[in-house]
């Protein structure tokens, strides 16, 4: 037997031995692998001993919209939504709050998250505005002769020059004035002459004298000048016009030698012992301003001095472009430090006259509010590392705190720092959850399995 034949017989023997072992195994364990799988499935599906479950105790039921309203029994809100139970073991609502964010303590520390409780407090606010010094219109005077004439001499010939009441301003010549003086002098002399005459002649002369005197007074001739006419009986060629009040010459149109007509304003004099401060208040602050309030006024020219003014008038119109209303304050200026057209900074304490302003209300720090176009949001801390957005309705705003009309209760912790970062993460999680709720793809609608 050659080598090739011997190798062939050996291979056939090995194949026969393997085939016998396979059939022998099939006979001892029918079903093979399928039987093993069935046994494993039966073992996995075998019922285990029931575990003892303890139902958590419910403390109360809270409003599903986050409003500060609780109930000891199940109920529905005005929109028909079920109140959410809060368990005693954790104090966590049974249903997840929409938009809730969970952050690890390490991340909270890195973000610098800080919280403060909503507290009862009075909302105090200081209204700040920019104003300007203006002349008190009730203290302005115009020197305007009521007769025609010419300016012979100017005693005050510069704008801005201070004048005292009764100080000579200018000497004027008027033919009408000279005629009126002579008429009065003649009538006065006639009264004295006809002192012993009949009643009718004396009465006529007295009437002429009184008529001439009235004419001079109507032309603003001083009593002193009239007395001189009565005593001396001589008329004067010129008449001196005097200052009607203490003040500053704000405008001078008089020029020596010029002719003036009745009613021409030759001098404009203003008494600056008291001035106005006209300030512009924004529309939303008008409800906190009233007549009689005291305001602190600061002037750039005198930063070390503090001035106090009183609100005297609130103008009845609103500027359509700036949405502001002007208010007028009265300010004493005995030393003349305040000049017209100076800029002034106004600080006005908000009105506290009503009981509503005096009472305490629920407030949160202004930094806790995320102001939106249609709604305002605060982030409420539900537990350790758990936050949820809450829509609130705002009332009056102070310098550091804002009144909350609804949406949050006293004592609830709100985020005052890094709230924008938490809000962004909340919006991102809500968007991801929205993707997860998308309808699953139908089998066979996508790429075919190969």
Protein backbone atom coordinates (compact mmCIF):
# COMPACT_ATOMS: atom_id res chain seq x y z
CA UNK A 1 0.00 0.00 0.00
CA UNK A 2 1.52 3.19 -1.07
CA UNK A 3 1.67 6.40 0.87
CA UNK A 4 -1.21 8.11 -0.97
CA UNK A 5 -3.65 5.29 -0.27
CA UNK A 6 -2.67 5.25 3.42
CA UNK A 7 -3.37 9.02 3.80
CA UNK A 8 -6.77 8.70 2.16
CA UNK A 9 -7.89 5.93 4.52
CA UNK A 10 -6.76 7.95 7.55
CA UNK A 11 -8.80 10.99 6.49
CA UNK A 12 -11.91 8.87 5.99
CA UNK A 13 -11.57 7.37 9.46
CA UNK A 14 -11.34 10.75 11.10
CA UNK A 15 -14.44 12.03 9.22
CA UNK A 16 -16.43 8.97 10.34
CA UNK A 17 -15.46 9.51 13.97
CA UNK A 18 -16.54 13.16 13.90
CA UNK A 19 -19.88 12.36 12.27
CA UNK A 20 -20.65 9.68 14.87
CA UNK A 21 -19.93 12.08 17.73
CA UNK A 22 -22.27 14.72 16.25
CA UNK A 23 -25.18 12.31 15.85
CA UNK A 24 -24.56 10.89 19.28
CA UNK A 25 -24.80 14.42 20.78
CA UNK A 26 -28.04 15.12 18.91
CA UNK A 27 -29.55 11.96 20.32
CA UNK A 28 -28.73 12.79 23.99
CA UNK A 29 -29.87 16.51 23.82
CA UNK A 30 -32.64 16.91 21.18
CA UNK A 31 -33.10 20.45 19.96
CA UNK A 32 -29.51 21.47 20.75
CA UNK A 33 -29.06 25.18 21.13
CA UNK A 34 -32.79 25.89 20.84
CA UNK A 35 -33.47 23.87 23.98
CA UNK A 36 -30.82 25.83 25.87
CA UNK A 37 -32.32 29.13 24.78
CA UNK A 38 -35.77 28.00 25.87
CA UNK A 39 -34.51 27.07 29.33
CA UNK A 40 -32.80 30.45 29.75
CA UNK A 41 -35.99 32.25 28.73
CA UNK A 42 -38.04 30.19 31.17
CA UNK A 43 -35.61 30.98 33.96
CA UNK A 44 -35.70 34.73 33.18
CA UNK A 45 -39.49 34.81 32.98
CA UNK A 46 -40.00 32.83 36.13
CA UNK A 47 -41.92 34.94 38.68
CA UNK A 48 -39.79 36.17 41.55
CA UNK A 49 -40.97 36.74 45.04
CA UNK A 50 -42.95 40.00 45.26
CA UNK A 51 -40.96 42.89 46.82
CA UNK A 52 -42.58 44.91 49.58
CA UNK A 53 -43.39 48.47 48.30
CA UNK A 54 -43.89 51.43 50.61
CA UNK A 55 -45.93 54.28 49.15
CA UNK A 56 -44.41 57.72 49.95
CA UNK A 57 -46.61 59.96 52.09
CA UNK A 58 -48.02 63.03 50.30
CA UNK A 59 -47.64 66.28 52.17
CA UNK A 60 -49.83 68.51 50.01
CA UNK A 61 -50.69 69.36 46.42
CA UNK A 62 -49.23 72.44 44.70
CA UNK A 63 -50.39 74.55 41.77
CA UNK A 64 -49.20 73.09 38.42
CA UNK A 65 -48.39 76.56 37.05
CA UNK A 66 -46.07 77.41 39.94
CA UNK A 67 -48.43 79.85 41.64
CA UNK A 68 -48.14 80.17 45.45
CA UNK A 69 -51.26 78.05 46.09
CA UNK A 70 -51.42 74.66 47.82
CA UNK A 71 -54.18 72.25 48.78
CA UNK A 72 -54.31 69.36 51.30
CA UNK A 73 -56.49 67.33 48.91
CA UNK A 74 -56.35 66.72 45.15
CA UNK A 75 -57.97 69.48 43.09
CA UNK A 76 -57.85 71.20 39.72
CA UNK A 77 -56.93 74.74 38.84
CA UNK A 78 -59.03 77.19 36.84
CA UNK A 79 -57.73 75.66 33.58
CA UNK A 80 -58.63 72.10 34.60
CA UNK A 81 -55.06 70.97 35.33
CA UNK A 82 -54.47 68.60 38.26
CA UNK A 83 -52.49 69.88 41.24
CA UNK A 84 -49.10 68.15 41.66
CA UNK A 85 -48.48 66.09 44.84
CA UNK A 86 -45.43 66.84 46.97
CA UNK A 87 -43.97 63.90 48.93
CA UNK A 88 -42.91 64.02 52.56
CA UNK A 89 -39.68 62.05 52.02
CA UNK A 90 -38.14 64.38 49.50
CA UNK A 91 -40.35 67.43 49.31
CA UNK A 92 -40.09 67.03 45.52
CA UNK A 93 -43.20 67.11 43.32
CA UNK A 94 -44.26 63.75 41.92
CA UNK A 95 -44.30 65.19 38.41
CA UNK A 96 -41.27 66.91 36.97
CA UNK A 97 -41.53 70.69 36.63
CA UNK A 98 -41.42 71.78 32.96
CA UNK A 99 -38.02 73.19 32.15
CA UNK A 100 -36.46 71.95 35.40
CA UNK A 101 -32.67 71.91 35.44
CA UNK A 102 -30.45 69.82 37.67
CA UNK A 103 -26.91 71.07 38.24
CA UNK A 104 -24.15 69.41 40.21
CA UNK A 105 -22.70 71.19 43.25
CA UNK A 106 -19.36 71.53 41.49
CA UNK A 107 -20.96 73.26 38.51
CA UNK A 108 -23.00 75.50 40.80
CA UNK A 109 -19.80 76.66 42.44
CA UNK A 110 -18.09 77.25 39.10
CA UNK A 111 -21.02 79.26 37.73
CA UNK A 112 -21.22 81.34 40.90
CA UNK A 113 -24.91 80.64 41.46
CA UNK A 114 -26.37 82.61 44.37
CA UNK A 115 -29.91 82.61 45.73
CA UNK A 116 -31.95 84.89 47.96
CA UNK A 117 -35.42 84.40 49.42
CA UNK A 118 -38.42 86.45 48.28
CA UNK A 119 -39.15 88.72 51.22
CA UNK A 120 -41.71 91.22 52.43
CA UNK A 121 -40.35 94.76 52.11
CA UNK A 122 -41.38 98.27 51.14
CA UNK A 123 -40.34 99.35 47.66
CA UNK A 124 -38.27 102.53 47.98
CA UNK A 125 -37.07 104.33 44.90
CA UNK A 126 -35.22 107.50 43.98
CA UNK A 127 -36.22 109.16 40.72
CA UNK A 128 -33.27 110.78 38.98
CA UNK A 129 -33.56 113.35 36.22
CA UNK A 130 -31.62 116.08 34.48
CA UNK A 131 -32.88 119.66 34.57
CA UNK A 132 -31.88 123.22 33.81
CA UNK A 133 -32.00 126.47 35.73
CA UNK A 134 -34.57 128.91 34.36
CA UNK A 135 -35.83 132.37 35.24
CA UNK A 136 -38.90 132.59 37.44
CA UNK A 137 -41.41 134.06 35.01
CA UNK A 138 -43.31 135.67 37.88
CA UNK A 139 -40.22 137.74 38.73
CA UNK A 140 -39.58 139.26 35.31
CA UNK A 141 -40.34 142.93 34.52
CA UNK A 142 -40.40 144.91 31.29
CA UNK A 143 -39.74 148.64 31.01
CA UNK A 144 -41.99 149.81 28.15
CA UNK A 145 -43.10 153.50 28.04
CA UNK A 146 -46.75 154.25 27.23
CA UNK A 147 -45.94 157.38 25.26
CA UNK A 148 -43.80 158.35 22.29
CA UNK A 149 -40.41 159.94 22.85
CA UNK A 150 -36.62 159.93 22.50
CA UNK A 151 -33.90 158.58 24.81
CA UNK A 152 -31.81 161.49 26.07
CA UNK A 153 -29.52 159.60 28.43
CA UNK A 154 -28.87 156.01 29.56
CA UNK A 155 -28.00 155.35 33.21
CA UNK A 156 -27.86 151.57 32.70
CA UNK A 157 -26.25 150.63 29.42
CA UNK A 158 -25.15 146.97 29.70
CA UNK A 159 -26.92 143.61 29.68
CA UNK A 160 -26.33 141.63 32.88
CA UNK A 161 -25.91 144.73 35.01
CA UNK A 162 -27.58 144.42 38.44
CA UNK A 163 -30.14 147.09 39.32
CA UNK A 164 -32.07 147.99 42.45
CA UNK A 165 -35.70 148.91 42.75
CA UNK A 166 -36.16 152.61 41.98
CA UNK A 167 -32.72 152.98 40.37
CA UNK A 168 -32.70 155.37 37.33
CA UNK A 169 -32.53 153.53 34.02
CA UNK A 170 -32.84 156.29 31.39
CA UNK A 171 -33.99 159.87 30.79
CA UNK A 172 -36.52 160.39 28.00
CA UNK A 173 -37.98 163.41 26.21
CA UNK A 174 -41.56 163.45 25.01
CA UNK A 175 -43.58 166.45 23.71
CA UNK A 176 -46.76 164.79 24.99
CA UNK A 177 -45.23 164.42 28.42
CA UNK A 178 -44.22 168.08 28.55
CA UNK A 179 -47.72 169.18 27.51
CA UNK A 180 -49.29 166.97 30.16
CA UNK A 181 -47.02 168.40 32.86
CA UNK A 182 -47.87 171.99 31.87
CA UNK A 183 -51.55 171.18 31.80
CA UNK A 184 -51.35 169.74 35.30
CA UNK A 185 -49.32 172.70 36.59
CA UNK A 186 -51.84 175.20 35.16
CA UNK A 187 -54.80 173.26 36.56
CA UNK A 188 -53.18 173.09 40.00
CA UNK A 189 -52.47 176.78 39.94
CA UNK A 190 -56.06 177.50 38.81
CA UNK A 191 -57.47 175.56 41.72
CA UNK A 192 -55.50 177.69 44.13
CA UNK A 193 -56.58 180.90 42.33
CA UNK A 194 -60.27 180.01 42.30
CA UNK A 195 -60.25 178.93 45.89
CA UNK A 196 -62.61 181.80 46.84
CA UNK A 197 -64.61 181.77 43.61
CA UNK A 198 -68.02 180.27 42.99
CA UNK A 199 -68.67 176.61 43.31
CA UNK A 200 -69.16 175.92 39.60
CA UNK A 201 -65.85 177.51 38.46
CA UNK A 202 -63.92 175.89 41.26
CA UNK A 203 -65.42 172.49 40.54
CA UNK A 204 -64.52 172.77 36.86
CA UNK A 205 -60.90 173.63 37.65
CA UNK A 206 -60.61 170.76 40.11
CA UNK A 207 -61.93 168.38 37.49
CA UNK A 208 -59.33 169.60 35.00
CA UNK A 209 -56.57 169.17 37.59
CA UNK A 210 -57.66 165.62 38.46
CA UNK A 211 -57.86 164.68 34.79
CA UNK A 212 -54.31 165.91 34.17
CA UNK A 213 -53.06 164.03 37.25
CA UNK A 214 -54.70 160.81 36.10
CA UNK A 215 -53.08 161.17 32.69
CA UNK A 216 -49.63 161.50 34.27
CA UNK A 217 -50.19 158.48 36.51
CA UNK A 218 -51.33 156.41 33.54
CA UNK A 219 -47.97 157.15 31.95
CA UNK A 220 -46.24 155.73 35.05
CA UNK A 221 -44.96 159.08 36.29
CA UNK A 222 -43.74 158.56 39.86
CA UNK A 223 -45.44 160.21 42.82
CA UNK A 224 -42.18 161.97 43.62
CA UNK A 225 -42.13 163.70 40.24
CA UNK A 226 -45.79 164.63 40.51
CA UNK A 227 -45.14 166.16 43.93
CA UNK A 228 -42.35 168.30 42.45
CA UNK A 229 -44.73 169.51 39.73
CA UNK A 230 -47.33 170.39 42.32
CA UNK A 231 -44.81 172.32 44.44
CA UNK A 232 -42.76 174.09 41.80
CA UNK A 233 -45.30 174.38 39.11
CA UNK A 234 -42.59 173.99 36.46
CA UNK A 235 -42.58 171.23 33.88
CA UNK A 236 -39.44 169.24 33.12
CA UNK A 237 -38.17 168.61 29.61
CA UNK A 238 -37.12 165.06 30.38
CA UNK A 239 -38.55 162.29 32.52
CA UNK A 240 -36.50 159.66 34.35
CA UNK A 241 -37.70 156.05 34.04
CA UNK A 242 -36.69 153.86 37.01
CA UNK A 243 -36.28 150.13 37.66
CA UNK A 244 -39.51 148.47 38.89
CA UNK A 245 -37.69 145.81 40.97
CA UNK A 246 -34.37 144.42 42.12
CA UNK A 247 -32.77 142.16 39.56
CA UNK A 248 -30.49 141.70 36.58
CA UNK A 249 -30.83 143.33 33.19
CA UNK A 250 -31.56 140.30 31.00
CA UNK A 251 -32.22 142.28 27.81
CA UNK A 252 -31.48 145.88 26.78
CA UNK A 253 -32.84 147.35 23.58
CA UNK A 254 -32.48 150.99 24.61
CA UNK A 255 -29.82 153.00 22.78
CA UNK A 256 -29.05 156.61 23.58
CA UNK A 257 -30.68 158.97 21.07
CA UNK A 258 -33.11 156.40 19.67
CA UNK A 259 -36.80 157.09 19.20
CA UNK A 260 -39.30 154.77 20.84
CA UNK A 261 -42.99 154.24 20.35
CA UNK A 262 -45.61 153.37 22.96
CA UNK A 263 -45.20 149.75 24.10
CA UNK A 264 -41.59 149.27 22.93
CA UNK A 265 -39.71 147.05 25.45
CA UNK A 266 -36.56 148.99 26.33
CA UNK A 267 -35.38 146.83 29.25
CA UNK A 268 -36.08 143.28 30.48
CA UNK A 269 -35.26 142.83 34.18
CA UNK A 270 -35.39 139.55 36.12
CA UNK A 271 -35.22 139.00 39.84
CA UNK A 272 -32.94 135.96 40.35
CA UNK A 273 -33.47 135.74 44.10
CA UNK A 274 -35.59 132.68 43.33
CA UNK A 275 -35.26 130.53 40.19
CA UNK A 276 -36.97 127.58 38.56
CA UNK A 277 -35.55 124.15 37.85
CA UNK A 278 -37.29 122.51 34.88
CA UNK A 279 -36.63 118.76 34.75
CA UNK A 280 -37.85 116.00 32.41
CA UNK A 281 -39.43 112.96 34.10
CA UNK A 282 -39.99 109.68 32.24
CA UNK A 283 -43.56 108.64 31.67
CA UNK A 284 -43.39 105.55 33.92
CA UNK A 285 -42.23 107.69 36.87
CA UNK A 286 -45.05 110.24 36.77
CA UNK A 287 -47.19 108.24 39.18
CA UNK A 288 -44.52 108.68 41.86
CA UNK A 289 -44.28 112.49 41.57
CA UNK A 290 -46.61 114.98 43.23
CA UNK A 291 -46.70 118.71 43.88
CA UNK A 292 -44.99 119.65 47.13
CA UNK A 293 -42.30 116.95 47.10
CA UNK A 294 -38.80 117.98 48.11
CA UNK A 295 -35.95 117.22 45.72
CA UNK A 296 -32.18 117.35 46.10
CA UNK A 297 -30.50 119.44 43.41
CA UNK A 298 -26.84 119.26 42.42
CA UNK A 299 -25.13 121.81 40.21
CA UNK A 300 -21.93 120.99 38.31
CA UNK A 301 -20.52 124.44 39.03
CA UNK A 302 -20.95 123.93 42.79
CA UNK A 303 -20.44 120.20 43.44
CA UNK A 304 -19.74 120.72 47.15
CA UNK A 305 -23.05 122.51 47.77
CA UNK A 306 -26.42 120.84 48.27
CA UNK A 307 -29.56 122.65 47.17
CA UNK A 308 -33.14 121.80 48.07
CA UNK A 309 -36.09 122.50 45.77
CA UNK A 310 -39.84 121.94 45.92
CA UNK A 311 -42.01 120.56 43.11
CA UNK A 312 -44.35 123.43 42.23
CA UNK A 313 -45.99 122.28 38.99
CA UNK A 314 -46.32 119.21 36.74
CA UNK A 315 -46.84 120.14 33.10
CA UNK A 316 -49.99 118.64 31.52
CA UNK A 317 -48.43 117.29 28.31
CA UNK A 318 -46.01 114.50 27.35
CA UNK A 319 -43.26 114.89 24.77
CA UNK A 320 -44.11 112.35 22.05
CA UNK A 321 -40.47 111.91 20.99
CA UNK A 322 -38.82 111.46 24.40
CA UNK A 323 -41.86 110.14 26.33
CA UNK A 324 -41.12 112.56 29.16
CA UNK A 325 -43.07 115.21 31.04
CA UNK A 326 -41.55 118.40 32.42
CA UNK A 327 -41.90 119.33 36.06
CA UNK A 328 -41.09 122.69 37.61
CA UNK A 329 -39.30 123.09 40.91
CA UNK A 330 -38.79 126.30 42.88
CA UNK A 331 -35.31 126.95 44.26
CA UNK A 332 -34.12 129.83 46.42
CA UNK A 333 -31.06 131.70 45.11
CA UNK A 334 -30.24 134.39 47.68
CA UNK A 335 -26.53 134.62 46.80
CA UNK A 336 -27.01 134.57 43.05
CA UNK A 337 -24.93 131.39 42.60
CA UNK A 338 -27.43 129.85 40.22
CA UNK A 339 -27.45 131.22 36.68
CA UNK A 340 -30.14 130.67 34.06
CA UNK A 341 -29.40 127.80 31.63
CA UNK A 342 -27.15 125.93 34.12
CA UNK A 343 -27.57 122.13 34.11
CA UNK A 344 -28.85 120.50 37.29
CA UNK A 345 -29.10 116.90 38.53
CA UNK A 346 -32.35 116.08 40.32
CA UNK A 347 -32.91 113.31 42.89
CA UNK A 348 -36.53 112.95 43.88
CA UNK A 349 -37.75 110.39 46.42
CA UNK A 350 -40.73 108.44 45.09
CA UNK A 351 -44.07 109.46 46.53
CA UNK A 352 -44.90 107.72 49.82
CA UNK A 353 -48.14 109.51 50.54
CA UNK A 354 -50.43 106.52 50.00
CA UNK A 355 -50.85 103.48 52.23
CA UNK A 356 -49.88 101.23 49.33
CA UNK A 357 -46.41 102.75 49.30
CA UNK A 358 -46.07 102.37 53.07
CA UNK A 359 -47.16 98.69 53.26
CA UNK A 360 -44.76 95.83 52.74
CA UNK A 361 -45.11 93.62 49.68
CA UNK A 362 -43.40 90.52 48.31
CA UNK A 363 -40.19 91.59 46.62
CA UNK A 364 -37.23 89.96 44.90
CA UNK A 365 -33.87 91.50 43.92
CA UNK A 366 -33.91 93.18 40.53
CA UNK A 367 -31.00 90.97 39.42
CA UNK A 368 -33.22 87.89 39.88
CA UNK A 369 -35.68 88.92 37.16
CA UNK A 370 -35.11 87.93 33.54
CA UNK A 371 -37.05 90.66 31.74
CA UNK A 372 -38.71 89.49 28.53
CA UNK A 373 -40.75 91.20 25.91
CA UNK A 374 -44.04 89.50 26.84
CA UNK A 375 -43.27 87.94 30.23
CA UNK A 376 -40.87 88.13 33.16
CA UNK A 377 -39.16 85.06 34.59
CA UNK A 378 -37.36 84.14 37.81
CA UNK A 379 -35.52 80.88 38.51
CA UNK A 380 -36.76 79.17 41.68
CA UNK A 381 -34.60 76.72 43.61
CA UNK A 382 -36.67 73.54 44.15
CA UNK A 383 -34.01 71.61 46.01
CA UNK A 384 -30.31 70.99 46.16
CA UNK A 385 -29.07 71.61 42.63
CA UNK A 386 -32.59 71.74 41.16
CA UNK A 387 -34.00 74.89 39.53
CA UNK A 388 -37.11 75.70 37.54
CA UNK A 389 -38.30 78.84 35.70
CA UNK A 390 -41.34 80.67 37.09
CA UNK A 391 -43.32 83.39 35.34
CA UNK A 392 -44.16 86.34 37.59
CA UNK A 393 -46.14 89.58 37.37
CA UNK A 394 -44.25 92.68 38.45
CA UNK A 395 -45.44 95.81 40.25
CA UNK A 396 -43.48 98.85 41.36
CA UNK A 397 -39.73 98.86 40.80
CA UNK A 398 -37.26 100.18 43.34
CA UNK A 399 -33.54 100.80 43.08
CA UNK A 400 -32.54 97.26 44.14
CA UNK A 401 -35.80 95.33 44.51
CA UNK A 402 -38.99 94.90 42.53
CA UNK A 403 -42.50 94.10 43.74
CA UNK A 404 -43.98 90.72 42.73
CA UNK A 405 -47.75 90.78 42.35
CA UNK A 406 -48.14 87.07 41.57
CA UNK A 407 -46.13 83.99 40.69
CA UNK A 408 -43.98 83.59 43.77
CA UNK A 409 -44.51 83.38 47.53
CA UNK A 410 -42.58 84.79 50.43
CA UNK A 411 -39.61 82.64 51.42
CA UNK A 412 -39.07 80.91 48.08
CA UNK A 413 -35.44 80.96 46.99
CA UNK A 414 -34.74 82.70 43.69
CA UNK A 415 -31.50 82.80 41.74
CA UNK A 416 -29.86 86.24 41.75
CA UNK A 417 -26.56 85.40 40.06
CA UNK A 418 -25.81 83.33 36.91
CA UNK A 419 -29.55 83.03 36.27
CA UNK A 420 -29.07 83.69 32.54
CA UNK A 421 -26.75 80.67 32.27
CA UNK A 422 -29.23 78.43 34.06
CA UNK A 423 -32.07 79.76 31.93
CA UNK A 424 -30.09 79.00 28.76
CA UNK A 425 -29.49 75.44 29.92
CA UNK A 426 -33.20 75.08 30.74
CA UNK A 427 -34.17 76.21 27.25
CA UNK A 428 -31.64 73.81 25.72
CA UNK A 429 -33.00 70.85 27.67
CA UNK A 430 -36.54 71.78 26.71
CA UNK A 431 -35.53 71.84 23.04
CA UNK A 432 -33.82 68.45 23.33
CA UNK A 433 -36.91 67.03 25.04
CA UNK A 434 -38.99 68.35 22.16
CA UNK A 435 -36.81 66.43 19.71
CA UNK A 436 -37.29 63.30 21.80
CA UNK A 437 -41.06 63.58 21.54
CA UNK A 438 -40.92 63.47 17.74
CA UNK A 439 -42.84 60.66 16.06
CA UNK A 440 -40.64 57.52 15.60
CA UNK A 441 -39.74 56.52 12.08
CA UNK A 442 -41.90 53.74 10.57
CA UNK A 443 -40.10 50.53 9.63
CA UNK A 444 -39.08 50.53 6.04
CA UNK A 445 -39.51 54.28 5.61
CA UNK A 446 -35.80 54.92 5.91
CA UNK A 447 -32.79 53.19 4.39
CA UNK A 448 -33.52 49.54 3.65
CA UNK A 449 -31.68 46.96 5.71
CA UNK A 450 -29.29 44.94 3.70
